[in-house]
Each structure stands twice: as C-alpha cells, then as structure tokens.
Amino acid sequence: RSTPAVRQIASRARRRVQSRSADPVADPARQRRVVEAFLAASREGRFD
C-alpha cells in the first residue's frame, strides 16, 4: 500500500480497537494525559 493508505488503515484499526476495549492500553483519555504531560514538560524544560 502507499504510505497515506497505511495511515488510513491504522486510523481505522485504532478506532475499532478503542471502541471495543476498555483496556488502558487503548484508552485515548489515558494516552492523551501522557501526551499532555509530555508537552507541558517540554514547554517548561523539565528534562527528567
């Protein structure tokens, strides 16, 4: 497949997994918290 097509396949698969599972691994809210913490640490220069 082309790279853009693979992106779309991944997006479709991700939505299906997230909609069918309450597992923390696929929990978008938890993933978002991790990313928000990373962005905050990046802005504030907290290397550790």
All heavy atoms as atom14 arrays in JSON, in Angstrom:
{
  "sequence": "RSTPAVRQIASRARRRVQSRSADPVADPARQRRVVEAFLAASREGRFD",
  "atom14_mask": [
    [1, 1, 1, 1, 1, 1, 1, 1, 1, 1, 1, 0, 0, 0],
    [1, 1, 1, 1, 1, 1, 0, 0, 0, 0, 0, 0, 0, 0],
    [1, 1, 1, 1, 1, 1, 1, 0, 0, 0, 0, 0, 0, 0],
    [1, 1, 1, 1, 1, 1, 1, 0, 0, 0, 0, 0, 0, 0],
    [1, 1, 1, 1, 1, 0, 0, 0, 0, 0, 0, 0, 0, 0],
    [1, 1, 1, 1, 1, 1, 1, 0, 0, 0, 0, 0, 0, 0],
    [1, 1, 1, 1, 1, 1, 1, 1, 1, 1, 1, 0, 0, 0],
    [1, 1, 1, 1, 1, 1, 1, 1, 1, 0, 0, 0, 0, 0],
    [1, 1, 1, 1, 1, 1, 1, 1, 0, 0, 0, 0, 0, 0],
    [1, 1, 1, 1, 1, 0, 0, 0, 0, 0, 0, 0, 0, 0],
    [1, 1, 1, 1, 1, 1, 0, 0, 0, 0, 0, 0, 0, 0],
    [1, 1, 1, 1, 1, 1, 1, 1, 1, 1, 1, 0, 0, 0],
    [1, 1, 1, 1, 1, 0, 0, 0, 0, 0, 0, 0, 0, 0],
    [1, 1, 1, 1, 1, 1, 1, 1, 1, 1, 1, 0, 0, 0],
    [1, 1, 1, 1, 1, 1, 1, 1, 1, 1, 1, 0, 0, 0],
    [1, 1, 1, 1, 1, 1, 1, 1, 1, 1, 1, 0, 0, 0],
    [1, 1, 1, 1, 1, 1, 1, 0, 0, 0, 0, 0, 0, 0],
    [1, 1, 1, 1, 1, 1, 1, 1, 1, 0, 0, 0, 0, 0],
    [1, 1, 1, 1, 1, 1, 0, 0, 0, 0, 0, 0, 0, 0],
    [1, 1, 1, 1, 1, 1, 1, 1, 1, 1, 1, 0, 0, 0],
    [1, 1, 1, 1, 1, 1, 0, 0, 0, 0, 0, 0, 0, 0],
    [1, 1, 1, 1, 1, 0, 0, 0, 0, 0, 0, 0, 0, 0],
    [1, 1, 1, 1, 1, 1, 1, 1, 0, 0, 0, 0, 0, 0],
    [1, 1, 1, 1, 1, 1, 1, 0, 0, 0, 0, 0, 0, 0],
    [1, 1, 1, 1, 1, 1, 1, 0, 0, 0, 0, 0, 0, 0],
    [1, 1, 1, 1, 1, 0, 0, 0, 0, 0, 0, 0, 0, 0],
    [1, 1, 1, 1, 1, 1, 1, 1, 0, 0, 0, 0, 0, 0],
    [1, 1, 1, 1, 1, 1, 1, 0, 0, 0, 0, 0, 0, 0],
    [1, 1, 1, 1, 1, 0, 0, 0, 0, 0, 0, 0, 0, 0],
    [1, 1, 1, 1, 1, 1, 1, 1, 1, 1, 1, 0, 0, 0],
    [1, 1, 1, 1, 1, 1, 1, 1, 1, 0, 0, 0, 0, 0],
    [1, 1, 1, 1, 1, 1, 1, 1, 1, 1, 1, 0, 0, 0],
    [1, 1, 1, 1, 1, 1, 1, 1, 1, 1, 1, 0, 0, 0],
    [1, 1, 1, 1, 1, 1, 1, 0, 0, 0, 0, 0, 0, 0],
    [1, 1, 1, 1, 1, 1, 1, 0, 0, 0, 0, 0, 0, 0],
    [1, 1, 1, 1, 1, 1, 1, 1, 1, 0, 0, 0, 0, 0],
    [1, 1, 1, 1, 1, 0, 0, 0, 0, 0, 0, 0, 0, 0],
    [1, 1, 1, 1, 1, 1, 1, 1, 1, 1, 1, 0, 0, 0],
    [1, 1, 1, 1, 1, 1, 1, 1, 0, 0, 0, 0, 0, 0],
    [1, 1, 1, 1, 1, 0, 0, 0, 0, 0, 0, 0, 0, 0],
    [1, 1, 1, 1, 1, 0, 0, 0, 0, 0, 0, 0, 0, 0],
    [1, 1, 1, 1, 1, 1, 0, 0, 0, 0, 0, 0, 0, 0],
    [1, 1, 1, 1, 1, 1, 1, 1, 1, 1, 1, 0, 0, 0],
    [1, 1, 1, 1, 1, 1, 1, 1, 1, 0, 0, 0, 0, 0],
    [1, 1, 1, 1, 0, 0, 0, 0, 0, 0, 0, 0, 0, 0],
    [1, 1, 1, 1, 1, 1, 1, 1, 1, 1, 1, 0, 0, 0],
    [1, 1, 1, 1, 1, 1, 1, 1, 1, 1, 1, 0, 0, 0],
    [1, 1, 1, 1, 1, 1, 1, 1, 0, 0, 0, 0, 0, 0]
  ],
  "atom14_positions": [
    [[0.85, -1.18, 0.0], [0.0, 0.0, 0.0], [0.89, 1.24, 0.0], [2.06, 1.19, 0.35], [-0.9, 0.06, 1.25], [-1.83, -1.12, 1.44], [-3.01, -1.09, 0.49], [-4.12, -1.88, 0.99], [-4.2, -3.19, 0.95], [-3.19, -3.89, 0.44], [-5.25, -3.83, 1.42], [0.0, 0.0, 0.0], [0.0, 0.0, 0.0], [0.0, 0.0, 0.0]],
    [[0.33, 2.38, -0.35], [1.05, 3.64, -0.23], [1.1, 4.05, 1.23], [0.3, 3.58, 2.05], [0.36, 4.73, -1.05], [-0.91, 5.04, -0.48], [0.0, 0.0, 0.0], [0.0, 0.0, 0.0], [0.0, 0.0, 0.0], [0.0, 0.0, 0.0], [0.0, 0.0, 0.0], [0.0, 0.0, 0.0], [0.0, 0.0, 0.0], [0.0, 0.0, 0.0]],
    [[2.03, 4.94, 1.56], [2.14, 5.41, 2.95], [0.85, 6.09, 3.42], [0.37, 5.81, 4.52], [3.33, 6.36, 3.09], [4.54, 5.64, 2.76], [3.44, 6.87, 4.52], [0.0, 0.0, 0.0], [0.0, 0.0, 0.0], [0.0, 0.0, 0.0], [0.0, 0.0, 0.0], [0.0, 0.0, 0.0], [0.0, 0.0, 0.0], [0.0, 0.0, 0.0]],
    [[0.23, 6.98, 2.61], [-1.05, 7.57, 3.05], [-2.13, 6.51, 3.29], [-2.93, 6.63, 4.23], [-1.42, 8.51, 1.91], [-0.12, 8.87, 1.27], [0.69, 7.62, 1.36], [0.0, 0.0, 0.0], [0.0, 0.0, 0.0], [0.0, 0.0, 0.0], [0.0, 0.0, 0.0], [0.0, 0.0, 0.0], [0.0, 0.0, 0.0], [0.0, 0.0, 0.0]],
    [[-2.16, 5.48, 2.44], [-3.16, 4.42, 2.63], [-2.93, 3.67, 3.92], [-3.87, 3.31, 4.62], [-3.13, 3.47, 1.44], [0.0, 0.0, 0.0], [0.0, 0.0, 0.0], [0.0, 0.0, 0.0], [0.0, 0.0, 0.0], [0.0, 0.0, 0.0], [0.0, 0.0, 0.0], [0.0, 0.0, 0.0], [0.0, 0.0, 0.0], [0.0, 0.0, 0.0]],
    [[-1.66, 3.44, 4.25], [-1.34, 2.74, 5.51], [-1.78, 3.58, 6.7], [-2.27, 3.07, 7.69], [0.17, 2.42, 5.57], [0.55, 1.88, 6.95], [0.54, 1.4, 4.51], [0.0, 0.0, 0.0], [0.0, 0.0, 0.0], [0.0, 0.0, 0.0], [0.0, 0.0, 0.0], [0.0, 0.0, 0.0], [0.0, 0.0, 0.0], [0.0, 0.0, 0.0]],
    [[-1.61, 4.9, 6.59], [-2.08, 5.79, 7.67], [-3.58, 5.62, 7.89], [-4.05, 5.56, 9.03], [-1.8, 7.25, 7.31], [-0.37, 7.7, 7.49], [-0.28, 9.2, 7.17], [1.05, 9.69, 7.39], [1.51, 10.06, 8.57], [0.74, 9.96, 9.63], [2.74, 10.52, 8.7], [0.0, 0.0, 0.0], [0.0, 0.0, 0.0], [0.0, 0.0, 0.0]],
    [[-4.32, 5.56, 6.8], [-5.77, 5.41, 6.92], [-6.15, 4.05, 7.5], [-7.09, 3.95, 8.3], [-6.41, 5.59, 5.54], [-6.31, 7.01, 5.0], [-6.92, 8.02, 5.95], [-8.04, 7.85, 6.43], [-6.19, 9.09, 6.23], [0.0, 0.0, 0.0], [0.0, 0.0, 0.0], [0.0, 0.0, 0.0], [0.0, 0.0, 0.0], [0.0, 0.0, 0.0]],
    [[-5.44, 3.01, 7.1], [-5.69, 1.69, 7.67], [-5.44, 1.7, 9.18], [-6.22, 1.17, 9.97], [-4.8, 0.63, 6.99], [-5.22, 0.44, 5.53], [-4.87, -0.71, 7.74], [-4.25, -0.4, 4.71], [0.0, 0.0, 0.0], [0.0, 0.0, 0.0], [0.0, 0.0, 0.0], [0.0, 0.0, 0.0], [0.0, 0.0, 0.0], [0.0, 0.0, 0.0]],
    [[-4.35, 2.34, 9.58], [-4.03, 2.42, 11.01], [-5.1, 3.19, 11.77], [-5.5, 2.8, 12.86], [-2.66, 3.09, 11.2], [0.0, 0.0, 0.0], [0.0, 0.0, 0.0], [0.0, 0.0, 0.0], [0.0, 0.0, 0.0], [0.0, 0.0, 0.0], [0.0, 0.0, 0.0], [0.0, 0.0, 0.0], [0.0, 0.0, 0.0], [0.0, 0.0, 0.0]],
    [[-5.56, 4.28, 11.18], [-6.59, 5.09, 11.83], [-7.87, 4.29, 12.01], [-8.5, 4.32, 13.09], [-6.86, 6.35, 11.0], [-7.84, 7.15, 11.61], [0.0, 0.0, 0.0], [0.0, 0.0, 0.0], [0.0, 0.0, 0.0], [0.0, 0.0, 0.0], [0.0, 0.0, 0.0], [0.0, 0.0, 0.0], [0.0, 0.0, 0.0], [0.0, 0.0, 0.0]],
    [[-8.27, 3.55, 10.97], [-9.48, 2.74, 11.05], [-9.34, 1.64, 12.11], [-10.25, 1.4, 12.91], [-9.78, 2.13, 9.68], [-11.08, 1.36, 9.62], [-11.41, 0.94, 8.2], [-10.48, -0.03, 7.68], [-9.78, 0.13, 6.55], [-9.88, 1.25, 5.87], [-8.99, -0.82, 6.11], [0.0, 0.0, 0.0], [0.0, 0.0, 0.0], [0.0, 0.0, 0.0]],
    [[-8.18, 0.98, 12.12], [-7.95, -0.09, 13.1], [-7.95, 0.46, 14.51], [-8.51, -0.13, 15.44], [-6.62, -0.78, 12.79], [0.0, 0.0, 0.0], [0.0, 0.0, 0.0], [0.0, 0.0, 0.0], [0.0, 0.0, 0.0], [0.0, 0.0, 0.0], [0.0, 0.0, 0.0], [0.0, 0.0, 0.0], [0.0, 0.0, 0.0], [0.0, 0.0, 0.0]],
    [[-7.35, 1.61, 14.68], [-7.24, 2.22, 16.01], [-8.63, 2.56, 16.56], [-8.92, 2.33, 17.73], [-6.38, 3.48, 15.88], [-5.85, 4.03, 17.18], [-4.93, 5.21, 16.87], [-3.8, 4.8, 16.07], [-3.48, 5.32, 14.89], [-4.24, 6.27, 14.35], [-2.43, 4.9, 14.23], [0.0, 0.0, 0.0], [0.0, 0.0, 0.0], [0.0, 0.0, 0.0]],
    [[-9.48, 3.11, 15.71], [-10.82, 3.45, 16.15], [-11.59, 2.2, 16.57], [-12.33, 2.2, 17.55], [-11.57, 4.18, 15.04], [-11.11, 5.61, 14.81], [-12.07, 6.33, 13.89], [-11.63, 7.69, 13.64], [-10.86, 8.06, 12.62], [-10.47, 7.15, 11.76], [-10.5, 9.31, 12.46], [0.0, 0.0, 0.0], [0.0, 0.0, 0.0], [0.0, 0.0, 0.0]],
    [[-11.42, 1.14, 15.8], [-12.14, -0.1, 16.12], [-11.69, -0.67, 17.46], [-12.5, -1.07, 18.29], [-11.94, -1.13, 15.0], [-12.69, -2.42, 15.24], [-12.66, -3.28, 14.0], [-13.35, -2.61, 12.9], [-13.21, -2.96, 11.63], [-12.4, -3.94, 11.31], [-13.89, -2.33, 10.7], [0.0, 0.0, 0.0], [0.0, 0.0, 0.0], [0.0, 0.0, 0.0]],
    [[-10.38, -0.69, 17.68], [-9.86, -1.21, 18.94], [-10.33, -0.35, 20.11], [-10.76, -0.85, 21.14], [-8.32, -1.29, 18.9], [-7.76, -1.64, 20.28], [-7.86, -2.33, 17.89], [0.0, 0.0, 0.0], [0.0, 0.0, 0.0], [0.0, 0.0, 0.0], [0.0, 0.0, 0.0], [0.0, 0.0, 0.0], [0.0, 0.0, 0.0], [0.0, 0.0, 0.0]],
    [[-10.24, 0.97, 19.94], [-10.62, 1.86, 21.02], [-12.11, 1.78, 21.33], [-12.52, 1.89, 22.48], [-10.23, 3.3, 20.66], [-8.72, 3.53, 20.65], [-8.35, 4.9, 20.15], [-9.19, 5.66, 19.66], [-7.08, 5.25, 20.25], [0.0, 0.0, 0.0], [0.0, 0.0, 0.0], [0.0, 0.0, 0.0], [0.0, 0.0, 0.0], [0.0, 0.0, 0.0]],
    [[-12.92, 1.55, 20.31], [-14.37, 1.5, 20.52], [-14.8, 0.19, 21.16], [-15.87, 0.12, 21.76], [-15.1, 1.68, 19.2], [-14.89, 0.57, 18.34], [0.0, 0.0, 0.0], [0.0, 0.0, 0.0], [0.0, 0.0, 0.0], [0.0, 0.0, 0.0], [0.0, 0.0, 0.0], [0.0, 0.0, 0.0], [0.0, 0.0, 0.0], [0.0, 0.0, 0.0]],
    [[-13.96, -0.84, 21.06], [-14.33, -2.15, 21.57], [-13.66, -2.54, 22.87], [-13.95, -3.58, 23.44], [-14.0, -3.22, 20.52], [-14.78, -3.11, 19.24], [-16.21, -3.56, 19.42], [-16.27, -4.98, 19.79], [-16.3, -5.97, 18.9], [-16.29, -5.7, 17.61], [-16.35, -7.22, 19.3], [0.0, 0.0, 0.0], [0.0, 0.0, 0.0], [0.0, 0.0, 0.0]],
    [[-12.73, -1.72, 23.35], [-11.94, -2.13, 24.51], [-11.87, -1.03, 25.55], [-11.7, 0.13, 25.24], [-10.53, -2.51, 24.08], [-9.73, -2.79, 25.21], [0.0, 0.0, 0.0], [0.0, 0.0, 0.0], [0.0, 0.0, 0.0], [0.0, 0.0, 0.0], [0.0, 0.0, 0.0], [0.0, 0.0, 0.0], [0.0, 0.0, 0.0], [0.0, 0.0, 0.0]],
    [[-12.01, -1.45, 26.82], [-11.82, -0.52, 27.94], [-10.42, -0.66, 28.51], [-10.11, -0.1, 29.55], [-12.84, -0.81, 29.04], [0.0, 0.0, 0.0], [0.0, 0.0, 0.0], [0.0, 0.0, 0.0], [0.0, 0.0, 0.0], [0.0, 0.0, 0.0], [0.0, 0.0, 0.0], [0.0, 0.0, 0.0], [0.0, 0.0, 0.0], [0.0, 0.0, 0.0]],
    [[-9.56, -1.4, 27.81], [-8.21, -1.65, 28.29], [-7.41, -0.35, 28.32], [-7.48, 0.46, 27.39], [-7.52, -2.65, 27.36], [-6.24, -3.18, 27.95], [-5.27, -2.42, 27.98], [-6.25, -4.33, 28.42], [0.0, 0.0, 0.0], [0.0, 0.0, 0.0], [0.0, 0.0, 0.0], [0.0, 0.0, 0.0], [0.0, 0.0, 0.0], [0.0, 0.0, 0.0]],
    [[-6.61, -0.11, 29.38], [-5.81, 1.1, 29.45], [-4.87, 1.28, 28.27], [-4.53, 2.4, 27.9], [-5.01, 0.91, 30.76], [-5.82, -0.03, 31.58], [-6.49, -0.94, 30.59], [0.0, 0.0, 0.0], [0.0, 0.0, 0.0], [0.0, 0.0, 0.0], [0.0, 0.0, 0.0], [0.0, 0.0, 0.0], [0.0, 0.0, 0.0], [0.0, 0.0, 0.0]],
    [[-4.42, 0.18, 27.66], [-3.51, 0.28, 26.53], [-4.15, 1.06, 25.39], [-3.49, 1.81, 24.68], [-3.11, -1.14, 26.05], [-2.38, -1.07, 24.72], [-2.25, -1.82, 27.1], [0.0, 0.0, 0.0], [0.0, 0.0, 0.0], [0.0, 0.0, 0.0], [0.0, 0.0, 0.0], [0.0, 0.0, 0.0], [0.0, 0.0, 0.0], [0.0, 0.0, 0.0]],
    [[-5.46, 0.89, 25.2], [-6.14, 1.54, 24.09], [-7.0, 2.71, 24.54], [-7.82, 3.21, 23.77], [-7.01, 0.52, 23.36], [0.0, 0.0, 0.0], [0.0, 0.0, 0.0], [0.0, 0.0, 0.0], [0.0, 0.0, 0.0], [0.0, 0.0, 0.0], [0.0, 0.0, 0.0], [0.0, 0.0, 0.0], [0.0, 0.0, 0.0], [0.0, 0.0, 0.0]],
    [[-6.85, 3.15, 25.77], [-7.68, 4.21, 26.33], [-7.17, 5.56, 25.84], [-6.11, 6.03, 26.27], [-7.64, 4.14, 27.85], [-8.46, 5.24, 28.51], [-9.18, 5.95, 27.78], [-8.37, 5.39, 29.73], [0.0, 0.0, 0.0], [0.0, 0.0, 0.0], [0.0, 0.0, 0.0], [0.0, 0.0, 0.0], [0.0, 0.0, 0.0], [0.0, 0.0, 0.0]],
    [[-7.89, 6.23, 24.94], [-7.41, 7.5, 24.41], [-7.28, 8.59, 25.48], [-6.43, 9.46, 25.37], [-8.45, 7.87, 23.35], [-9.66, 7.07, 23.68], [-9.16, 5.81, 24.33], [0.0, 0.0, 0.0], [0.0, 0.0, 0.0], [0.0, 0.0, 0.0], [0.0, 0.0, 0.0], [0.0, 0.0, 0.0], [0.0, 0.0, 0.0], [0.0, 0.0, 0.0]],
    [[-8.12, 8.53, 26.51], [-8.04, 9.55, 27.57], [-6.72, 9.42, 28.32], [-6.06, 10.42, 28.62], [-9.22, 9.39, 28.53], [0.0, 0.0, 0.0], [0.0, 0.0, 0.0], [0.0, 0.0, 0.0], [0.0, 0.0, 0.0], [0.0, 0.0, 0.0], [0.0, 0.0, 0.0], [0.0, 0.0, 0.0], [0.0, 0.0, 0.0], [0.0, 0.0, 0.0]],
    [[-6.33, 8.19, 28.61], [-5.07, 7.97, 29.31], [-3.9, 8.36, 28.41], [-2.94, 9.01, 28.85], [-4.93, 6.5, 29.72], [-3.59, 6.19, 30.39], [-3.39, 4.71, 30.59], [-2.04, 4.44, 31.03], [-0.99, 4.38, 30.22], [-1.16, 4.57, 28.92], [0.22, 4.14, 30.69], [0.0, 0.0, 0.0], [0.0, 0.0, 0.0], [0.0, 0.0, 0.0]],
    [[-3.96, 7.98, 27.15], [-2.89, 8.33, 26.21], [-2.76, 9.85, 26.1], [-1.66, 10.39, 26.06], [-3.18, 7.72, 24.85], [-3.1, 6.19, 24.85], [-3.57, 5.6, 23.54], [-4.39, 6.2, 22.82], [-3.08, 4.42, 23.21], [0.0, 0.0, 0.0], [0.0, 0.0, 0.0], [0.0, 0.0, 0.0], [0.0, 0.0, 0.0], [0.0, 0.0, 0.0]],
    [[-3.91, 10.52, 26.07], [-3.89, 11.98, 25.98], [-3.23, 12.6, 27.2], [-2.47, 13.57, 27.09], [-5.33, 12.5, 25.83], [-5.42, 14.02, 25.66], [-6.85, 14.43, 25.47], [-7.67, 14.04, 26.62], [-8.99, 14.05, 26.63], [-9.65, 14.39, 25.54], [-9.66, 13.7, 27.7], [0.0, 0.0, 0.0], [0.0, 0.0, 0.0], [0.0, 0.0, 0.0]],
    [[-3.49, 12.04, 28.39], [-2.87, 12.57, 29.62], [-1.35, 12.44, 29.56], [-0.62, 13.34, 29.98], [-3.43, 11.85, 30.85], [-4.87, 12.22, 31.18], [-5.26, 11.76, 32.57], [-5.25, 10.32, 32.69], [-6.29, 9.53, 32.42], [-7.42, 10.07, 31.99], [-6.21, 8.22, 32.57], [0.0, 0.0, 0.0], [0.0, 0.0, 0.0], [0.0, 0.0, 0.0]],
    [[-0.88, 11.32, 29.04], [0.56, 11.12, 28.92], [1.15, 12.16, 27.97], [2.18, 12.78, 28.25], [0.87, 9.69, 28.41], [2.37, 9.55, 28.1], [0.47, 8.66, 29.46], [0.0, 0.0, 0.0], [0.0, 0.0, 0.0], [0.0, 0.0, 0.0], [0.0, 0.0, 0.0], [0.0, 0.0, 0.0], [0.0, 0.0, 0.0], [0.0, 0.0, 0.0]],
    [[0.48, 12.38, 26.84], [0.97, 13.34, 25.85], [0.92, 14.76, 26.41], [1.87, 15.54, 26.23], [0.15, 13.25, 24.55], [0.48, 14.4, 23.61], [0.42, 11.91, 23.86], [0.0, 0.0, 0.0], [0.0, 0.0, 0.0], [0.0, 0.0, 0.0], [0.0, 0.0, 0.0], [0.0, 0.0, 0.0], [0.0, 0.0, 0.0], [0.0, 0.0, 0.0]],
    [[-0.15, 15.1, 27.1], [-0.25, 16.45, 27.68], [0.84, 16.67, 28.71], [1.42, 17.76, 28.8], [-1.63, 16.65, 28.3], [-2.74, 16.81, 27.25], [-4.11, 16.94, 27.89], [-4.24, 16.61, 29.09], [-5.05, 17.35, 27.17], [0.0, 0.0, 0.0], [0.0, 0.0, 0.0], [0.0, 0.0, 0.0], [0.0, 0.0, 0.0], [0.0, 0.0, 0.0]],
    [[1.16, 15.66, 29.5], [2.24, 15.76, 30.49], [3.58, 15.95, 29.78], [4.43, 16.74, 30.23], [2.27, 14.52, 31.36], [0.0, 0.0, 0.0], [0.0, 0.0, 0.0], [0.0, 0.0, 0.0], [0.0, 0.0, 0.0], [0.0, 0.0, 0.0], [0.0, 0.0, 0.0], [0.0, 0.0, 0.0], [0.0, 0.0, 0.0], [0.0, 0.0, 0.0]],
    [[3.75, 15.25, 28.65], [4.99, 15.39, 27.89], [5.12, 16.8, 27.31], [6.2, 17.42, 27.39], [5.02, 14.35, 26.78], [6.28, 14.37, 25.96], [7.41, 13.67, 26.37], [6.33, 15.09, 24.77], [8.57, 13.7, 25.62], [7.5, 15.11, 24.01], [8.61, 14.41, 24.43], [0.0, 0.0, 0.0], [0.0, 0.0, 0.0], [0.0, 0.0, 0.0]],
    [[4.04, 17.32, 26.74], [4.08, 18.67, 26.16], [4.36, 19.72, 27.22], [5.12, 20.67, 26.99], [2.77, 18.96, 25.44], [2.46, 18.12, 24.2], [1.06, 18.42, 23.69], [3.5, 18.36, 23.11], [0.0, 0.0, 0.0], [0.0, 0.0, 0.0], [0.0, 0.0, 0.0], [0.0, 0.0, 0.0], [0.0, 0.0, 0.0], [0.0, 0.0, 0.0]],
    [[3.75, 19.55, 28.39], [3.98, 20.5, 29.49], [5.44, 20.46, 29.94], [6.07, 21.5, 30.16], [3.05, 20.19, 30.66], [0.0, 0.0, 0.0], [0.0, 0.0, 0.0], [0.0, 0.0, 0.0], [0.0, 0.0, 0.0], [0.0, 0.0, 0.0], [0.0, 0.0, 0.0], [0.0, 0.0, 0.0], [0.0, 0.0, 0.0], [0.0, 0.0, 0.0]],
    [[5.97, 19.25, 30.08], [7.37, 19.12, 30.49], [8.31, 19.7, 29.43], [9.34, 20.29, 29.75], [7.7, 17.65, 30.73], [0.0, 0.0, 0.0], [0.0, 0.0, 0.0], [0.0, 0.0, 0.0], [0.0, 0.0, 0.0], [0.0, 0.0, 0.0], [0.0, 0.0, 0.0], [0.0, 0.0, 0.0], [0.0, 0.0, 0.0], [0.0, 0.0, 0.0]],
    [[7.91, 19.54, 28.16], [8.72, 20.11, 27.08], [8.73, 21.63, 27.14], [9.79, 22.26, 27.08], [8.15, 19.65, 25.73], [8.8, 20.29, 24.66], [0.0, 0.0, 0.0], [0.0, 0.0, 0.0], [0.0, 0.0, 0.0], [0.0, 0.0, 0.0], [0.0, 0.0, 0.0], [0.0, 0.0, 0.0], [0.0, 0.0, 0.0], [0.0, 0.0, 0.0]],
    [[7.56, 22.23, 27.3], [7.47, 23.69, 27.36], [8.25, 24.26, 28.54], [8.88, 25.31, 28.44], [6.01, 24.13, 27.45], [5.23, 24.01, 26.16], [3.89, 24.69, 26.26], [2.99, 23.99, 27.17], [2.13, 23.05, 26.79], [2.05, 22.7, 25.52], [1.34, 22.47, 27.68], [0.0, 0.0, 0.0], [0.0, 0.0, 0.0], [0.0, 0.0, 0.0]],
    [[8.19, 23.54, 29.66], [8.78, 24.05, 30.9], [10.23, 23.61, 31.09], [10.86, 23.95, 32.09], [7.93, 23.6, 32.08], [6.52, 24.18, 32.05], [5.57, 23.46, 32.99], [6.06, 22.72, 33.87], [4.34, 23.63, 32.83], [0.0, 0.0, 0.0], [0.0, 0.0, 0.0], [0.0, 0.0, 0.0], [0.0, 0.0, 0.0], [0.0, 0.0, 0.0]],
    [[10.76, 22.87, 30.14], [12.16, 22.47, 30.22], [12.47, 21.5, 31.33], [13.57, 21.55, 31.91], [0.0, 0.0, 0.0], [0.0, 0.0, 0.0], [0.0, 0.0, 0.0], [0.0, 0.0, 0.0], [0.0, 0.0, 0.0], [0.0, 0.0, 0.0], [0.0, 0.0, 0.0], [0.0, 0.0, 0.0], [0.0, 0.0, 0.0], [0.0, 0.0, 0.0]],
    [[11.55, 20.58, 31.64], [11.78, 19.59, 32.7], [12.32, 18.3, 32.07], [11.59, 17.38, 31.78], [10.49, 19.35, 33.47], [10.06, 20.56, 34.3], [8.84, 20.29, 35.15], [7.6, 20.51, 34.42], [6.72, 19.56, 34.11], [6.96, 18.3, 34.43], [5.6, 19.86, 33.46], [0.0, 0.0, 0.0], [0.0, 0.0, 0.0], [0.0, 0.0, 0.0]],
    [[13.62, 18.26, 31.9], [14.27, 17.16, 31.19], [14.0, 15.8, 31.84], [13.65, 14.84, 31.15], [15.78, 17.42, 31.12], [16.55, 16.32, 30.45], [16.62, 16.24, 29.06], [17.2, 15.35, 31.2], [17.33, 15.23, 28.43], [17.91, 14.34, 30.59], [17.97, 14.28, 29.2], [0.0, 0.0, 0.0], [0.0, 0.0, 0.0], [0.0, 0.0, 0.0]],
    [[14.14, 15.72, 33.15], [13.95, 14.44, 33.84], [12.53, 13.91, 33.65], [12.31, 12.7, 33.51], [14.28, 14.57, 35.32], [15.76, 14.75, 35.57], [16.56, 14.45, 34.65], [16.14, 15.2, 36.68], [0.0, 0.0, 0.0], [0.0, 0.0, 0.0], [0.0, 0.0, 0.0], [0.0, 0.0, 0.0], [0.0, 0.0, 0.0], [0.0, 0.0, 0.0]]
  ]
}
